[in-house]
PDB file of N, CA and C in Angstrom:
ATOM      1  N   UNK A   1     109.419  97.757  94.005  1.00  0.00           N
ATOM      2  CA  UNK A   1     110.382  97.797  92.933  1.00  0.00           C
ATOM      3  C   UNK A   1     110.032  98.940  91.986  1.00  0.00           C
ATOM      4  N   UNK A   2     110.530 100.078  92.245  1.00  0.00           N
ATOM      5  CA  UNK A   2     110.298 101.218  91.369  1.00  0.00           C
ATOM      6  C   UNK A   2     111.478 101.403  90.433  1.00  0.00           C
ATOM      7  N   UNK A   3     111.699 100.410  89.621  1.00  0.00           N
ATOM      8  CA  UNK A   3     112.810 100.467  88.684  1.00  0.00           C
ATOM      9  C   UNK A   3     112.468  99.654  87.446  1.00  0.00           C
ATOM     10  N   UNK A   4     113.017 100.054  86.329  1.00  0.00           N
ATOM     11  CA  UNK A   4     112.784  99.303  85.093  1.00  0.00           C
ATOM     12  C   UNK A   4     113.606  98.021  85.067  1.00  0.00           C
ATOM     13  N   UNK A   5     114.738  98.023  85.748  1.00  0.00           N
ATOM     14  CA  UNK A   5     115.620  96.861  85.764  1.00  0.00           C
ATOM     15  C   UNK A   5     115.912  96.483  87.220  1.00  0.00           C
ATOM     16  N   UNK A   6     115.036  95.680  87.819  1.00  0.00           N
ATOM     17  CA  UNK A   6     115.268  95.319  89.223  1.00  0.00           C
ATOM     18  C   UNK A   6     116.504  94.438  89.384  1.00  0.00           C
ATOM     19  N   UNK A   7     117.152  94.585  90.494  1.00  0.00           N
ATOM     20  CA  UNK A   7     118.317  93.762  90.798  1.00  0.00           C
ATOM     21  C   UNK A   7     117.852  92.426  91.374  1.00  0.00           C
ATOM     22  N   UNK A   8     118.773  91.492  91.459  1.00  0.00           N
ATOM     23  CA  UNK A   8     118.459  90.191  92.064  1.00  0.00           C
ATOM     24  C   UNK A   8     117.961  90.387  93.502  1.00  0.00           C
ATOM     25  N   UNK A   9     118.566  91.325  94.236  1.00  0.00           N
ATOM     26  CA  UNK A   9     118.131  91.567  95.610  1.00  0.00           C
ATOM     27  C   UNK A   9     116.694  92.066  95.665  1.00  0.00           C
ATOM     28  N   UNK A  10     116.280  92.902  94.711  1.00  0.00           N
ATOM     29  CA  UNK A  10     114.892  93.370  94.656  1.00  0.00           C
ATOM     30  C   UNK A  10     113.937  92.195  94.446  1.00  0.00           C
ATOM     31  N   UNK A  11     114.293  91.334  93.510  1.00  0.00           N
ATOM     32  CA  UNK A  11     113.435  90.187  93.187  1.00  0.00           C
ATOM     33  C   UNK A  11     113.383  89.224  94.365  1.00  0.00           C
ATOM     34  N   UNK A  12     114.524  88.931  94.940  1.00  0.00           N
ATOM     35  CA  UNK A  12     114.579  88.019  96.094  1.00  0.00           C
ATOM     36  C   UNK A  12     113.754  88.578  97.247  1.00  0.00           C
ATOM     37  N   UNK A  13     113.853  89.887  97.502  1.00  0.00           N
ATOM     38  CA  UNK A  13     113.079  90.518  98.573  1.00  0.00           C
ATOM     39  C   UNK A  13     111.583  90.414  98.301  1.00  0.00           C
ATOM     40  N   UNK A  14     111.184  90.582  97.045  1.00  0.00           N
ATOM     41  CA  UNK A  14     109.772  90.506  96.688  1.00  0.00           C
ATOM     42  C   UNK A  14     109.202  89.109  96.964  1.00  0.00           C
ATOM     43  N   UNK A  15     110.018  88.083  96.817  1.00  0.00           N
ATOM     44  CA  UNK A  15     109.573  86.697  97.025  1.00  0.00           C
ATOM     45  C   UNK A  15     109.789  86.218  98.467  1.00  0.00           C
ATOM     46  N   UNK A  16     110.118  87.125  99.377  1.00  0.00           N
ATOM     47  CA  UNK A  16     110.450  86.738 100.750  1.00  0.00           C
ATOM     48  C   UNK A  16     109.297  86.060 101.489  1.00  0.00           C
ATOM     49  N   UNK A  17     108.060  86.323 101.108  1.00  0.00           N
ATOM     50  CA  UNK A  17     106.906  85.742 101.794  1.00  0.00           C
ATOM     51  C   UNK A  17     106.331  84.524 101.081  1.00  0.00           C
ATOM     52  N   UNK A  18     107.043  84.012 100.097  1.00  0.00           N
ATOM     53  CA  UNK A  18     106.618  82.781  99.427  1.00  0.00           C
ATOM     54  C   UNK A  18     107.317  81.632 100.150  1.00  0.00           C
ATOM     55  N   UNK A  19     106.522  80.679 100.635  1.00  0.00           N
ATOM     56  CA  UNK A  19     107.068  79.603 101.463  1.00  0.00           C
ATOM     57  C   UNK A  19     106.649  78.239 100.934  1.00  0.00           C
ATOM     58  N   UNK A  20     107.557  77.301 101.048  1.00  0.00           N
ATOM     59  CA  UNK A  20     107.299  75.906 100.734  1.00  0.00           C
ATOM     60  C   UNK A  20     107.265  75.140 102.047  1.00  0.00           C
ATOM     61  N   UNK A  21     106.256  74.299 102.227  1.00  0.00           N
ATOM     62  CA  UNK A  21     106.207  73.487 103.440  1.00  0.00           C
ATOM     63  C   UNK A  21     105.735  72.081 103.117  1.00  0.00           C
ATOM     64  N   UNK A  22     106.129  71.164 103.976  1.00  0.00           N
ATOM     65  CA  UNK A  22     105.767  69.754 103.824  1.00  0.00           C
ATOM     66  C   UNK A  22     105.173  69.252 105.134  1.00  0.00           C
ATOM     67  N   UNK A  23     104.247  68.327 105.024  1.00  0.00           N
ATOM     68  CA  UNK A  23     103.753  67.607 106.186  1.00  0.00           C
ATOM     69  C   UNK A  23     104.292  66.190 106.061  1.00  0.00           C
ATOM     70  N   UNK A  24     105.065  65.803 107.062  1.00  0.00           N
ATOM     71  CA  UNK A  24     105.688  64.485 107.055  1.00  0.00           C
ATOM     72  C   UNK A  24     104.994  63.581 108.060  1.00  0.00           C
ATOM     73  N   UNK A  25     104.850  62.327 107.697  1.00  0.00           N
ATOM     74  CA  UNK A  25     104.311  61.310 108.590  1.00  0.00           C
ATOM     75  C   UNK A  25     105.169  60.065 108.441  1.00  0.00           C
ATOM     76  N   UNK A  26     105.803  59.683 109.545  1.00  0.00           N
ATOM     77  CA  UNK A  26     106.702  58.532 109.545  1.00  0.00           C
ATOM     78  C   UNK A  26     107.783  58.649 108.463  1.00  0.00           C
ATOM     79  N   UNK A  27     108.318  59.851 108.332  1.00  0.00           N
ATOM     80  CA  UNK A  27     109.408  60.082 107.393  1.00  0.00           C
ATOM     81  C   UNK A  27     109.000  60.227 105.940  1.00  0.00           C
ATOM     82  N   UNK A  28     107.700  60.162 105.663  1.00  0.00           N
ATOM     83  CA  UNK A  28     107.199  60.291 104.291  1.00  0.00           C
ATOM     84  C   UNK A  28     106.392  61.571 104.139  1.00  0.00           C
ATOM     85  N   UNK A  29     106.586  62.252 103.037  1.00  0.00           N
ATOM     86  CA  UNK A  29     105.819  63.468 102.766  1.00  0.00           C
ATOM     87  C   UNK A  29     104.401  63.079 102.361  1.00  0.00           C
ATOM     88  N   UNK A  30     103.413  63.537 103.139  1.00  0.00           N
ATOM     89  CA  UNK A  30     102.024  63.241 102.789  1.00  0.00           C
ATOM     90  C   UNK A  30     101.329  64.444 102.158  1.00  0.00           C
ATOM     91  N   UNK A  31     101.915  65.623 102.322  1.00  0.00           N
ATOM     92  CA  UNK A  31     101.364  66.811 101.673  1.00  0.00           C
ATOM     93  C   UNK A  31     102.436  67.878 101.587  1.00  0.00           C
ATOM     94  N   UNK A  32     102.468  68.594 100.471  1.00  0.00           N
ATOM     95  CA  UNK A  32     103.371  69.726 100.320  1.00  0.00           C
ATOM     96  C   UNK A  32     102.594  70.876  99.706  1.00  0.00           C
ATOM     97  N   UNK A  33     103.035  72.086 100.028  1.00  0.00           N
ATOM     98  CA  UNK A  33     102.322  73.256  99.503  1.00  0.00           C
ATOM     99  C   UNK A  33     103.243  74.462  99.417  1.00  0.00           C
ATOM    100  N   UNK A  34     102.881  75.359  98.508  1.00  0.00           N
ATOM    101  CA  UNK A  34     103.549  76.645  98.367  1.00  0.00           C
ATOM    102  C   UNK A  34     102.531  77.690  98.791  1.00  0.00           C
ATOM    103  N   UNK A  35     102.916  78.536  99.740  1.00  0.00           N
ATOM    104  CA  UNK A  35     102.034  79.583 100.232  1.00  0.00           C
ATOM    105  C   UNK A  35     102.592  80.949  99.875  1.00  0.00           C
ATOM    106  N   UNK A  36     101.704  81.900  99.652  1.00  0.00           N
ATOM    107  CA  UNK A  36     102.109  83.276  99.431  1.00  0.00           C
ATOM    108  C   UNK A  36     102.396  83.644  97.995  1.00  0.00           C
ATOM    109  N   UNK A  37     102.094  82.760  97.058  1.00  0.00           N
ATOM    110  CA  UNK A  37     102.376  83.022  95.649  1.00  0.00           C
ATOM    111  C   UNK A  37     101.174  83.756  95.029  1.00  0.00           C
ATOM    112  N   UNK A  38     101.324  85.054  94.832  1.00  0.00           N
ATOM    113  CA  UNK A  38     100.233  85.880  94.299  1.00  0.00           C
ATOM    114  C   UNK A  38     100.269  85.916  92.774  1.00  0.00           C
ATOM    115  N   UNK A  39      99.260  86.535  92.196  1.00  0.00           N
ATOM    116  CA  UNK A  39      99.226  86.699  90.741  1.00  0.00           C
ATOM    117  C   UNK A  39     100.415  87.531  90.256  1.00  0.00           C
ATOM    118  N   UNK A  40     100.821  88.512  91.047  1.00  0.00           N
ATOM    119  CA  UNK A  40     101.980  89.328  90.667  1.00  0.00           C
ATOM    120  C   UNK A  40     103.263  88.497  90.692  1.00  0.00           C
ATOM    121  N   UNK A  41     103.405  87.602  91.674  1.00  0.00           N
ATOM    122  CA  UNK A  41     104.555  86.692  91.693  1.00  0.00           C
ATOM    123  C   UNK A  41     104.561  85.835  90.430  1.00  0.00           C
ATOM    124  N   UNK A  42     103.392  85.339  90.058  1.00  0.00           N
ATOM    125  CA  UNK A  42     103.289  84.496  88.862  1.00  0.00           C
ATOM    126  C   UNK A  42     103.651  85.283  87.608  1.00  0.00           C
ATOM    127  N   UNK A  43     103.235  86.548  87.560  1.00  0.00           N
ATOM    128  CA  UNK A  43     103.569  87.383  86.409  1.00  0.00           C
ATOM    129  C   UNK A  43     105.081  87.609  86.330  1.00  0.00           C
ATOM    130  N   UNK A  44     105.702  87.851  87.454  1.00  0.00           N
ATOM    131  CA  UNK A  44     107.155  88.038  87.473  1.00  0.00           C
ATOM    132  C   UNK A  44     107.852  86.761  87.040  1.00  0.00           C
ATOM    133  N   UNK A  45     107.353  85.612  87.502  1.00  0.00           N
ATOM    134  CA  UNK A  45     107.928  84.331  87.064  1.00  0.00           C
ATOM    135  C   UNK A  45     107.824  84.165  85.558  1.00  0.00           C
ATOM    136  N   UNK A  46     106.687  84.561  84.983  1.00  0.00           N
ATOM    137  CA  UNK A  46     106.538  84.482  83.522  1.00  0.00           C
ATOM    138  C   UNK A  46     107.571  85.364  82.829  1.00  0.00           C
ATOM    139  N   UNK A  47     107.752  86.575  83.331  1.00  0.00           N
ATOM    140  CA  UNK A  47     108.737  87.489  82.746  1.00  0.00           C
ATOM    141  C   UNK A  47     110.152  86.939  82.870  1.00  0.00           C
ATOM    142  N   UNK A  48     110.411  86.214  83.951  1.00  0.00           N
ATOM    143  CA  UNK A  48     111.731  85.604  84.167  1.00  0.00           C
ATOM    144  C   UNK A  48     111.845  84.241  83.506  1.00  0.00           C
ATOM    145  N   UNK A  49     110.768  83.820  82.847  1.00  0.00           N
ATOM    146  CA  UNK A  49     110.695  82.531  82.156  1.00  0.00           C
ATOM    147  C   UNK A  49     110.874  81.347  83.118  1.00  0.00           C
ATOM    148  N   UNK A  50     110.291  81.489  84.311  1.00  0.00           N
ATOM    149  CA  UNK A  50     110.267  80.392  85.279  1.00  0.00           C
ATOM    150  C   UNK A  50     108.926  79.685  85.106  1.00  0.00           C
ATOM    151  N   UNK A  51     108.921  78.428  84.689  1.00  0.00           N
ATOM    152  CA  UNK A  51     107.658  77.729  84.443  1.00  0.00           C
ATOM    153  C   UNK A  51     106.876  77.455  85.728  1.00  0.00           C
ATOM    154  N   UNK A  52     105.543  77.463  85.629  1.00  0.00           N
ATOM    155  CA  UNK A  52     104.687  77.160  86.784  1.00  0.00           C
ATOM    156  C   UNK A  52     104.968  75.775  87.344  1.00  0.00           C
ATOM    157  N   UNK A  53     105.416  74.869  86.511  1.00  0.00           N
ATOM    158  CA  UNK A  53     105.684  73.501  86.948  1.00  0.00           C
ATOM    159  C   UNK A  53     106.757  73.448  88.035  1.00  0.00           C
ATOM    160  N   UNK A  54     107.586  74.472  88.122  1.00  0.00           N
ATOM    161  CA  UNK A  54     108.616  74.504  89.165  1.00  0.00           C
ATOM    162  C   UNK A  54     107.962  74.410  90.536  1.00  0.00           C
ATOM    163  N   UNK A  55     106.855  75.120  90.731  1.00  0.00           N
ATOM    164  CA  UNK A  55     106.185  75.115  92.027  1.00  0.00           C
ATOM    165  C   UNK A  55     105.374  73.848  92.241  1.00  0.00           C
ATOM    166  N   UNK A  56     104.865  73.274  91.179  1.00  0.00           N
ATOM    167  CA  UNK A  56     104.070  72.055  91.304  1.00  0.00           C
ATOM    168  C   UNK A  56     104.935  70.839  91.581  1.00  0.00           C
ATOM    169  N   UNK A  57     106.199  70.868  91.193  1.00  0.00           N
ATOM    170  CA  UNK A  57     107.081  69.707  91.309  1.00  0.00           C
ATOM    171  C   UNK A  57     108.173  69.882  92.358  1.00  0.00           C
ATOM    172  N   UNK A  58     107.975  70.805  93.299  1.00  0.00           N
ATOM    173  CA  UNK A  58     108.983  71.006  94.331  1.00  0.00           C
ATOM    174  C   UNK A  58     109.082  69.782  95.226  1.00  0.00           C
ATOM    175  N   UNK A  59     110.282  69.476  95.622  1.00  0.00           N
ATOM    176  CA  UNK A  59     110.544  68.397  96.564  1.00  0.00           C
ATOM    177  C   UNK A  59     111.352  68.967  97.717  1.00  0.00           C
ATOM    178  N   UNK A  60     111.644  68.150  98.688  1.00  0.00           N
ATOM    179  CA  UNK A  60     112.394  68.648  99.843  1.00  0.00           C
ATOM    180  C   UNK A  60     113.778  69.165  99.445  1.00  0.00           C
ATOM    181  N   UNK A  61     114.258  68.792  98.284  1.00  0.00           N
ATOM    182  CA  UNK A  61     115.556  69.300  97.818  1.00  0.00           C
ATOM    183  C   UNK A  61     115.356  70.421  96.797  1.00  0.00           C
ATOM    184  N   UNK A  62     114.347  71.268  97.028  1.00  0.00           N
ATOM    185  CA  UNK A  62     114.001  72.327  96.074  1.00  0.00           C
ATOM    186  C   UNK A  62     115.160  73.272  95.792  1.00  0.00           C
ATOM    187  N   UNK A  63     116.036  73.478  96.757  1.00  0.00           N
ATOM    188  CA  UNK A  63     117.144  74.432  96.554  1.00  0.00           C
ATOM    189  C   UNK A  63     118.158  73.914  95.545  1.00  0.00           C
ATOM    190  N   UNK A  64     118.017  72.652  95.149  1.00  0.00           N
ATOM    191  CA  UNK A  64     118.917  72.102  94.161  1.00  0.00           C
ATOM    192  C   UNK A  64     118.358  72.262  92.749  1.00  0.00           C
ATOM    193  N   UNK A  65     117.268  73.022  92.617  1.00  0.00           N
ATOM    194  CA  UNK A  65     116.652  73.274  91.307  1.00  0.00           C
ATOM    195  C   UNK A  65     117.670  73.926  90.385  1.00  0.00           C
ATOM    196  N   UNK A  66     117.701  73.454  89.164  1.00  0.00           N
ATOM    197  CA  UNK A  66     118.638  74.011  88.191  1.00  0.00           C
ATOM    198  C   UNK A  66     117.923  74.134  86.850  1.00  0.00           C
ATOM    199  N   UNK A  67     117.949  75.329  86.287  1.00  0.00           N
ATOM    200  CA  UNK A  67     117.369  75.542  84.959  1.00  0.00           C
ATOM    201  C   UNK A  67     118.270  74.901  83.911  1.00  0.00           C
ATOM    202  N   UNK A  68     117.641  74.305  82.914  1.00  0.00           N
ATOM    203  CA  UNK A  68     118.432  73.735  81.834  1.00  0.00           C
ATOM    204  C   UNK A  68     118.228  74.527  80.563  1.00  0.00           C
TER     205      UNK A  68
END
C-alpha cells in the first residue's frame, strides 16, 4: 500500500492471509483461532478503530459482524 489513502480493495487485499478456523467435535466448537494477524494488521485495525475484541469474540457467524 504505497498510498496515503488506501482503498477498501487495498485493505481487503492486505488482510487476505488472515484466517479464522474452528475445530468442531460432535457439532460443537471446541477450539477457534485467528491465524496470520501480524502487528501491522493490528496497527491498521487500531487506525480503522476496529477493537481487538472483534478477533477474540469471533463465532462461526463472524461475517455478520456489525459495528455499532
